[in-house]
Amino acid sequence: MSITQIKEMALALPVEQRVDLAQPLWSSLENHPSDITGDEAAFQDELKRRDQEMSADPSSCSSHEEVMTEARRRIGS
């Protein structure tokens, strides 16, 4: 069975079963950071950089409420 066939079968499942399938798959990725390659590795590097920046100067960060308020303002709702 190919990965394409597996994806098609998984996507055909009801939502609850897709969640049951997705959760252990997602968790398995957290245990293997060395398997991350390419753009994903760059993304992880960026996350680490931002985390260090926020830890060094928490006042430079926006709260969730501030981010949501700005997002709503930008989309006009």
PDB file of N, CA and C in Angstrom:
ATOM      1  N   MET A   1       0.858  -1.171   0.000  1.00  0.00           N
ATOM      2  CA  MET A   1       0.000   0.000   0.000  1.00  0.00           C
ATOM      3  C   MET A   1       0.906   1.237   0.000  1.00  0.00           C
ATOM      4  N   SER A   2       0.568   2.205  -0.841  1.00  0.00           N
ATOM      5  CA  SER A   2       1.376   3.422  -0.953  1.00  0.00           C
ATOM      6  C   SER A   2       0.944   4.463   0.077  1.00  0.00           C
ATOM      7  N   ILE A   3       1.813   5.434   0.298  1.00  0.00           N
ATOM      8  CA  ILE A   3       1.490   6.527   1.215  1.00  0.00           C
ATOM      9  C   ILE A   3       0.281   7.306   0.707  1.00  0.00           C
ATOM     10  N   THR A   4       0.150   7.429  -0.612  1.00  0.00           N
ATOM     11  CA  THR A   4      -1.002   8.121  -1.200  1.00  0.00           C
ATOM     12  C   THR A   4      -2.287   7.390  -0.852  1.00  0.00           C
ATOM     13  N   GLN A   5      -2.266   6.081  -0.939  1.00  0.00           N
ATOM     14  CA  GLN A   5      -3.454   5.295  -0.604  1.00  0.00           C
ATOM     15  C   GLN A   5      -3.786   5.416   0.881  1.00  0.00           C
ATOM     16  N   ILE A   6      -2.755   5.401   1.703  1.00  0.00           N
ATOM     17  CA  ILE A   6      -2.971   5.531   3.148  1.00  0.00           C
ATOM     18  C   ILE A   6      -3.589   6.892   3.456  1.00  0.00           C
ATOM     19  N   LYS A   7      -3.058   7.955   2.835  1.00  0.00           N
ATOM     20  CA  LYS A   7      -3.616   9.300   3.056  1.00  0.00           C
ATOM     21  C   LYS A   7      -5.067   9.365   2.622  1.00  0.00           C
ATOM     22  N   GLU A   8      -5.376   8.800   1.458  1.00  0.00           N
ATOM     23  CA  GLU A   8      -6.758   8.820   0.963  1.00  0.00           C
ATOM     24  C   GLU A   8      -7.687   8.098   1.918  1.00  0.00           C
ATOM     25  N   MET A   9      -7.250   6.954   2.412  1.00  0.00           N
ATOM     26  CA  MET A   9      -8.076   6.194   3.357  1.00  0.00           C
ATOM     27  C   MET A   9      -8.257   6.976   4.664  1.00  0.00           C
ATOM     28  N   ALA A  10      -7.170   7.579   5.142  1.00  0.00           N
ATOM     29  CA  ALA A  10      -7.247   8.334   6.395  1.00  0.00           C
ATOM     30  C   ALA A  10      -8.185   9.529   6.254  1.00  0.00           C
ATOM     31  N   LEU A  11      -8.094  10.225   5.128  1.00  0.00           N
ATOM     32  CA  LEU A  11      -8.940  11.400   4.924  1.00  0.00           C
ATOM     33  C   LEU A  11     -10.406  11.045   4.735  1.00  0.00           C
ATOM     34  N   ALA A  12     -10.678   9.807   4.411  1.00  0.00           N
ATOM     35  CA  ALA A  12     -12.058   9.356   4.239  1.00  0.00           C
ATOM     36  C   ALA A  12     -12.714   8.981   5.566  1.00  0.00           C
ATOM     37  N   LEU A  13     -11.918   8.892   6.621  1.00  0.00           N
ATOM     38  CA  LEU A  13     -12.452   8.538   7.937  1.00  0.00           C
ATOM     39  C   LEU A  13     -13.288   9.677   8.509  1.00  0.00           C
ATOM     40  N   PRO A  14     -14.222   9.353   9.402  1.00  0.00           N
ATOM     41  CA  PRO A  14     -14.947  10.409  10.114  1.00  0.00           C
ATOM     42  C   PRO A  14     -13.973  11.234  10.958  1.00  0.00           C
ATOM     43  N   VAL A  15     -14.361  12.450  11.287  1.00  0.00           N
ATOM     44  CA  VAL A  15     -13.499  13.381  12.017  1.00  0.00           C
ATOM     45  C   VAL A  15     -12.937  12.761  13.290  1.00  0.00           C
ATOM     46  N   GLU A  16     -13.770  12.113  14.085  1.00  0.00           N
ATOM     47  CA  GLU A  16     -13.317  11.558  15.360  1.00  0.00           C
ATOM     48  C   GLU A  16     -12.202  10.531  15.137  1.00  0.00           C
ATOM     49  N   GLN A  17     -12.342   9.716  14.116  1.00  0.00           N
ATOM     50  CA  GLN A  17     -11.325   8.703  13.838  1.00  0.00           C
ATOM     51  C   GLN A  17     -10.050   9.336  13.283  1.00  0.00           C
ATOM     52  N   ARG A  18     -10.190  10.420  12.527  1.00  0.00           N
ATOM     53  CA  ARG A  18      -8.999  11.119  12.027  1.00  0.00           C
ATOM     54  C   ARG A  18      -8.217  11.714  13.189  1.00  0.00           C
ATOM     55  N   VAL A  19      -8.935  12.261  14.176  1.00  0.00           N
ATOM     56  CA  VAL A  19      -8.279  12.806  15.365  1.00  0.00           C
ATOM     57  C   VAL A  19      -7.560  11.688  16.111  1.00  0.00           C
ATOM     58  N   ASP A  20      -8.229  10.546  16.272  1.00  0.00           N
ATOM     59  CA  ASP A  20      -7.609   9.405  16.949  1.00  0.00           C
ATOM     60  C   ASP A  20      -6.345   8.959  16.227  1.00  0.00           C
ATOM     61  N   LEU A  21      -6.320   9.066  14.923  1.00  0.00           N
ATOM     62  CA  LEU A  21      -5.147   8.698  14.137  1.00  0.00           C
ATOM     63  C   LEU A  21      -4.072   9.779  14.194  1.00  0.00           C
ATOM     64  N   ALA A  22      -4.489  11.030  14.132  1.00  0.00           N
ATOM     65  CA  ALA A  22      -3.536  12.145  14.062  1.00  0.00           C
ATOM     66  C   ALA A  22      -2.766  12.331  15.368  1.00  0.00           C
ATOM     67  N   GLN A  23      -3.423  12.154  16.485  1.00  0.00           N
ATOM     68  CA  GLN A  23      -2.755  12.420  17.765  1.00  0.00           C
ATOM     69  C   GLN A  23      -1.507  11.571  17.983  1.00  0.00           C
ATOM     70  N   PRO A  24      -1.562  10.257  17.813  1.00  0.00           N
ATOM     71  CA  PRO A  24      -0.320   9.496  18.017  1.00  0.00           C
ATOM     72  C   PRO A  24       0.730   9.770  16.940  1.00  0.00           C
ATOM     73  N   LEU A  25       0.284  10.083  15.718  1.00  0.00           N
ATOM     74  CA  LEU A  25       1.243  10.429  14.670  1.00  0.00           C
ATOM     75  C   LEU A  25       1.978  11.710  15.033  1.00  0.00           C
ATOM     76  N   TRP A  26       1.232  12.720  15.467  1.00  0.00           N
ATOM     77  CA  TRP A  26       1.832  14.000  15.852  1.00  0.00           C
ATOM     78  C   TRP A  26       2.788  13.807  17.026  1.00  0.00           C
ATOM     79  N   SER A  27       2.354  13.043  18.023  1.00  0.00           N
ATOM     80  CA  SER A  27       3.199  12.798  19.193  1.00  0.00           C
ATOM     81  C   SER A  27       4.486  12.093  18.808  1.00  0.00           C
ATOM     82  N   SER A  28       4.417  11.225  17.835  1.00  0.00           N
ATOM     83  CA  SER A  28       5.626  10.493  17.427  1.00  0.00           C
ATOM     84  C   SER A  28       6.665  11.423  16.814  1.00  0.00           C
ATOM     85  N   LEU A  29       6.234  12.536  16.234  1.00  0.00           N
ATOM     86  CA  LEU A  29       7.170  13.489  15.645  1.00  0.00           C
ATOM     87  C   LEU A  29       7.941  14.248  16.710  1.00  0.00           C
ATOM     88  N   GLU A  30       7.309  14.514  17.830  1.00  0.00           N
ATOM     89  CA  GLU A  30       7.952  15.244  18.918  1.00  0.00           C
ATOM     90  C   GLU A  30       9.132  14.472  19.482  1.00  0.00           C
ATOM     91  N   ASN A  31       9.120  13.176  19.334  1.00  0.00           N
ATOM     92  CA  ASN A  31      10.173  12.340  19.902  1.00  0.00           C
ATOM     93  C   ASN A  31      11.382  12.194  18.984  1.00  0.00           C
ATOM     94  N   HIS A  32      11.316  12.782  17.783  1.00  0.00           N
ATOM     95  CA  HIS A  32      12.392  12.603  16.816  1.00  0.00           C
ATOM     96  C   HIS A  32      12.798  13.923  16.165  1.00  0.00           C
ATOM     97  N   PRO A  33      13.269  14.898  16.965  1.00  0.00           N
ATOM     98  CA  PRO A  33      13.630  16.184  16.370  1.00  0.00           C
ATOM     99  C   PRO A  33      14.775  16.082  15.373  1.00  0.00           C
ATOM    100  N   SER A  34      15.609  15.057  15.468  1.00  0.00           N
ATOM    101  CA  SER A  34      16.716  14.919  14.519  1.00  0.00           C
ATOM    102  C   SER A  34      16.225  14.531  13.130  1.00  0.00           C
ATOM    103  N   ASP A  35      14.968  14.101  13.025  1.00  0.00           N
ATOM    104  CA  ASP A  35      14.412  13.724  11.726  1.00  0.00           C
ATOM    105  C   ASP A  35      13.906  14.930  10.946  1.00  0.00           C
ATOM    106  N   ILE A  36      13.897  16.112  11.566  1.00  0.00           N
ATOM    107  CA  ILE A  36      13.409  17.309  10.894  1.00  0.00           C
ATOM    108  C   ILE A  36      14.460  17.786   9.903  1.00  0.00           C
ATOM    109  N   THR A  37      14.029  18.074   8.682  1.00  0.00           N
ATOM    110  CA  THR A  37      14.985  18.487   7.649  1.00  0.00           C
ATOM    111  C   THR A  37      14.480  19.723   6.920  1.00  0.00           C
ATOM    112  N   GLY A  38      15.367  20.321   6.153  1.00  0.00           N
ATOM    113  CA  GLY A  38      15.004  21.411   5.255  1.00  0.00           C
ATOM    114  C   GLY A  38      14.317  22.572   5.926  1.00  0.00           C
ATOM    115  N   ASP A  39      13.202  22.988   5.342  1.00  0.00           N
ATOM    116  CA  ASP A  39      12.464  24.140   5.841  1.00  0.00           C
ATOM    117  C   ASP A  39      11.987  23.936   7.278  1.00  0.00           C
ATOM    118  N   GLU A  40      11.686  22.703   7.630  1.00  0.00           N
ATOM    119  CA  GLU A  40      11.222  22.444   8.986  1.00  0.00           C
ATOM    120  C   GLU A  40      12.323  22.731   9.999  1.00  0.00           C
ATOM    121  N   ALA A  41      13.556  22.405   9.649  1.00  0.00           N
ATOM    122  CA  ALA A  41      14.674  22.700  10.549  1.00  0.00           C
ATOM    123  C   ALA A  41      14.847  24.205  10.693  1.00  0.00           C
ATOM    124  N   ALA A  42      14.709  24.938   9.589  1.00  0.00           N
ATOM    125  CA  ALA A  42      14.804  26.398   9.639  1.00  0.00           C
ATOM    126  C   ALA A  42      13.679  26.968  10.493  1.00  0.00           C
ATOM    127  N   PHE A  43      12.500  26.388  10.387  1.00  0.00           N
ATOM    128  CA  PHE A  43      11.359  26.822  11.193  1.00  0.00           C
ATOM    129  C   PHE A  43      11.649  26.604  12.678  1.00  0.00           C
ATOM    130  N   GLN A  44      12.201  25.440  13.011  1.00  0.00           N
ATOM    131  CA  GLN A  44      12.547  25.155  14.403  1.00  0.00           C
ATOM    132  C   GLN A  44      13.598  26.137  14.912  1.00  0.00           C
ATOM    133  N   ASP A  45      14.579  26.457  14.072  1.00  0.00           N
ATOM    134  CA  ASP A  45      15.603  27.432  14.448  1.00  0.00           C
ATOM    135  C   ASP A  45      14.974  28.797  14.726  1.00  0.00           C
ATOM    136  N   GLU A  46      14.025  29.188  13.878  1.00  0.00           N
ATOM    137  CA  GLU A  46      13.345  30.473  14.068  1.00  0.00           C
ATOM    138  C   GLU A  46      12.542  30.470  15.360  1.00  0.00           C
ATOM    139  N   LEU A  47      11.864  29.370  15.664  1.00  0.00           N
ATOM    140  CA  LEU A  47      11.116  29.272  16.917  1.00  0.00           C
ATOM    141  C   LEU A  47      12.044  29.418  18.123  1.00  0.00           C
ATOM    142  N   LYS A  48      13.195  28.764  18.073  1.00  0.00           N
ATOM    143  CA  LYS A  48      14.160  28.863  19.168  1.00  0.00           C
ATOM    144  C   LYS A  48      14.675  30.295  19.307  1.00  0.00           C
ATOM    145  N   ARG A  49      14.961  30.935  18.171  1.00  0.00           N
ATOM    146  CA  ARG A  49      15.453  32.311  18.200  1.00  0.00           C
ATOM    147  C   ARG A  49      14.420  33.228  18.842  1.00  0.00           C
ATOM    148  N   ARG A  50      13.163  33.077  18.437  1.00  0.00           N
ATOM    149  CA  ARG A  50      12.101  33.923  18.994  1.00  0.00           C
ATOM    150  C   ARG A  50      11.902  33.657  20.482  1.00  0.00           C
ATOM    151  N   ASP A  51      11.993  32.389  20.872  1.00  0.00           N
ATOM    152  CA  ASP A  51      11.841  32.049  22.280  1.00  0.00           C
ATOM    153  C   ASP A  51      12.943  32.714  23.106  1.00  0.00           C
ATOM    154  N   GLN A  52      14.178  32.668  22.606  1.00  0.00           N
ATOM    155  CA  GLN A  52      15.293  33.303  23.310  1.00  0.00           C
ATOM    156  C   GLN A  52      15.096  34.815  23.379  1.00  0.00           C
ATOM    157  N   GLU A  53      14.626  35.399  22.282  1.00  0.00           N
ATOM    158  CA  GLU A  53      14.383  36.848  22.243  1.00  0.00           C
ATOM    159  C   GLU A  53      13.312  37.238  23.261  1.00  0.00           C
ATOM    160  N   MET A  54      12.247  36.456  23.314  1.00  0.00           N
ATOM    161  CA  MET A  54      11.158  36.757  24.251  1.00  0.00           C
ATOM    162  C   MET A  54      11.607  36.564  25.701  1.00  0.00           C
ATOM    163  N   SER A  55      12.420  35.543  25.924  1.00  0.00           N
ATOM    164  CA  SER A  55      12.918  35.293  27.280  1.00  0.00           C
ATOM    165  C   SER A  55      13.851  36.412  27.738  1.00  0.00           C
ATOM    166  N   ALA A  56      14.635  36.935  26.820  1.00  0.00           N
ATOM    167  CA  ALA A  56      15.583  38.004  27.154  1.00  0.00           C
ATOM    168  C   ALA A  56      14.870  39.315  27.452  1.00  0.00           C
ATOM    169  N   ASP A  57      13.762  39.584  26.746  1.00  0.00           N
ATOM    170  CA  ASP A  57      13.049  40.855  26.927  1.00  0.00           C
ATOM    171  C   ASP A  57      11.545  40.642  26.776  1.00  0.00           C
ATOM    172  N   PRO A  58      10.875  40.159  27.829  1.00  0.00           N
ATOM    173  CA  PRO A  58       9.441  39.891  27.752  1.00  0.00           C
ATOM    174  C   PRO A  58       8.601  41.115  27.387  1.00  0.00           C
ATOM    175  N   SER A  59       9.107  42.309  27.668  1.00  0.00           N
ATOM    176  CA  SER A  59       8.341  43.519  27.355  1.00  0.00           C
ATOM    177  C   SER A  59       8.234  43.761  25.858  1.00  0.00           C
ATOM    178  N   SER A  60       9.070  43.091  25.071  1.00  0.00           N
ATOM    179  CA  SER A  60       9.024  43.270  23.615  1.00  0.00           C
ATOM    180  C   SER A  60       7.925  42.436  22.972  1.00  0.00           C
ATOM    181  N   CYS A  61       7.247  41.623  23.768  1.00  0.00           N
ATOM    182  CA  CYS A  61       6.223  40.714  23.251  1.00  0.00           C
ATOM    183  C   CYS A  61       4.835  41.335  23.348  1.00  0.00           C
ATOM    184  N   SER A  62       3.965  40.856  22.481  1.00  0.00           N
ATOM    185  CA  SER A  62       2.561  41.259  22.523  1.00  0.00           C
ATOM    186  C   SER A  62       1.758  40.158  23.186  1.00  0.00           C
ATOM    187  N   SER A  63       0.757  40.557  23.948  1.00  0.00           N
ATOM    188  CA  SER A  63      -0.115  39.570  24.574  1.00  0.00           C
ATOM    189  C   SER A  63      -1.054  38.981  23.522  1.00  0.00           C
ATOM    190  N   HIS A  64      -1.672  37.875  23.868  1.00  0.00           N
ATOM    191  CA  HIS A  64      -2.642  37.248  22.969  1.00  0.00           C
ATOM    192  C   HIS A  64      -3.738  38.249  22.616  1.00  0.00           C
ATOM    193  N   GLU A  65      -4.216  38.956  23.614  1.00  0.00           N
ATOM    194  CA  GLU A  65      -5.288  39.935  23.388  1.00  0.00           C
ATOM    195  C   GLU A  65      -4.832  41.037  22.437  1.00  0.00           C
ATOM    196  N   GLU A  66      -3.614  41.516  22.599  1.00  0.00           N
ATOM    197  CA  GLU A  66      -3.092  42.554  21.702  1.00  0.00           C
ATOM    198  C   GLU A  66      -2.995  42.045  20.268  1.00  0.00           C
ATOM    199  N   VAL A  67      -2.518  40.828  20.108  1.00  0.00           N
ATOM    200  CA  VAL A  67      -2.403  40.239  18.769  1.00  0.00           C
ATOM    201  C   VAL A  67      -3.782  40.096  18.136  1.00  0.00           C
ATOM    202  N   MET A  68      -4.738  39.584  18.894  1.00  0.00           N
ATOM    203  CA  MET A  68      -6.088  39.381  18.358  1.00  0.00           C
ATOM    204  C   MET A  68      -6.759  40.709  18.025  1.00  0.00           C
ATOM    205  N   THR A  69      -6.573  41.721  18.868  1.00  0.00           N
ATOM    206  CA  THR A  69      -7.140  43.039  18.601  1.00  0.00           C
ATOM    207  C   THR A  69      -6.581  43.606  17.309  1.00  0.00           C
ATOM    208  N   GLU A  70      -5.273  43.500  17.118  1.00  0.00           N
ATOM    209  CA  GLU A  70      -4.639  43.990  15.893  1.00  0.00           C
ATOM    210  C   GLU A  70      -5.098  43.201  14.676  1.00  0.00           C
ATOM    211  N   ALA A  71      -5.237  41.891  14.813  1.00  0.00           N
ATOM    212  CA  ALA A  71      -5.706  41.065  13.700  1.00  0.00           C
ATOM    213  C   ALA A  71      -7.123  41.464  13.299  1.00  0.00           C
ATOM    214  N   ARG A  72      -7.973  41.653  14.299  1.00  0.00           N
ATOM    215  CA  ARG A  72      -9.366  42.054  14.013  1.00  0.00           C
ATOM    216  C   ARG A  72      -9.390  43.433  13.341  1.00  0.00           C
ATOM    217  N   ARG A  73      -8.534  44.332  13.813  1.00  0.00           N
ATOM    218  CA  ARG A  73      -8.485  45.660  13.204  1.00  0.00           C
ATOM    219  C   ARG A  73      -8.086  45.560  11.740  1.00  0.00           C
ATOM    220  N   ARG A  74      -7.103  44.722  11.461  1.00  0.00           N
ATOM    221  CA  ARG A  74      -6.609  44.608  10.085  1.00  0.00           C
ATOM    222  C   ARG A  74      -7.617  43.973   9.124  1.00  0.00           C
ATOM    223  N   ILE A  75      -8.426  43.038   9.642  1.00  0.00           N
ATOM    224  CA  ILE A  75      -9.414  42.416   8.758  1.00  0.00           C
ATOM    225  C   ILE A  75     -10.763  43.132   8.804  1.00  0.00           C
ATOM    226  N   GLY A  76     -10.836  44.123   9.663  1.00  0.00           N
ATOM    227  CA  GLY A  76     -12.028  44.966   9.700  1.00  0.00           C
ATOM    228  C   GLY A  76     -13.218  44.362  10.398  1.00  0.00           C
ATOM    229  N   SER A  77     -12.976  43.530  11.410  1.00  0.00           N
ATOM    230  CA  SER A  77     -14.134  42.992  12.143  1.00  0.00           C
ATOM    231  C   SER A  77     -14.084  43.354  13.600  1.00  0.00           C
TER     232      SER A  77
END
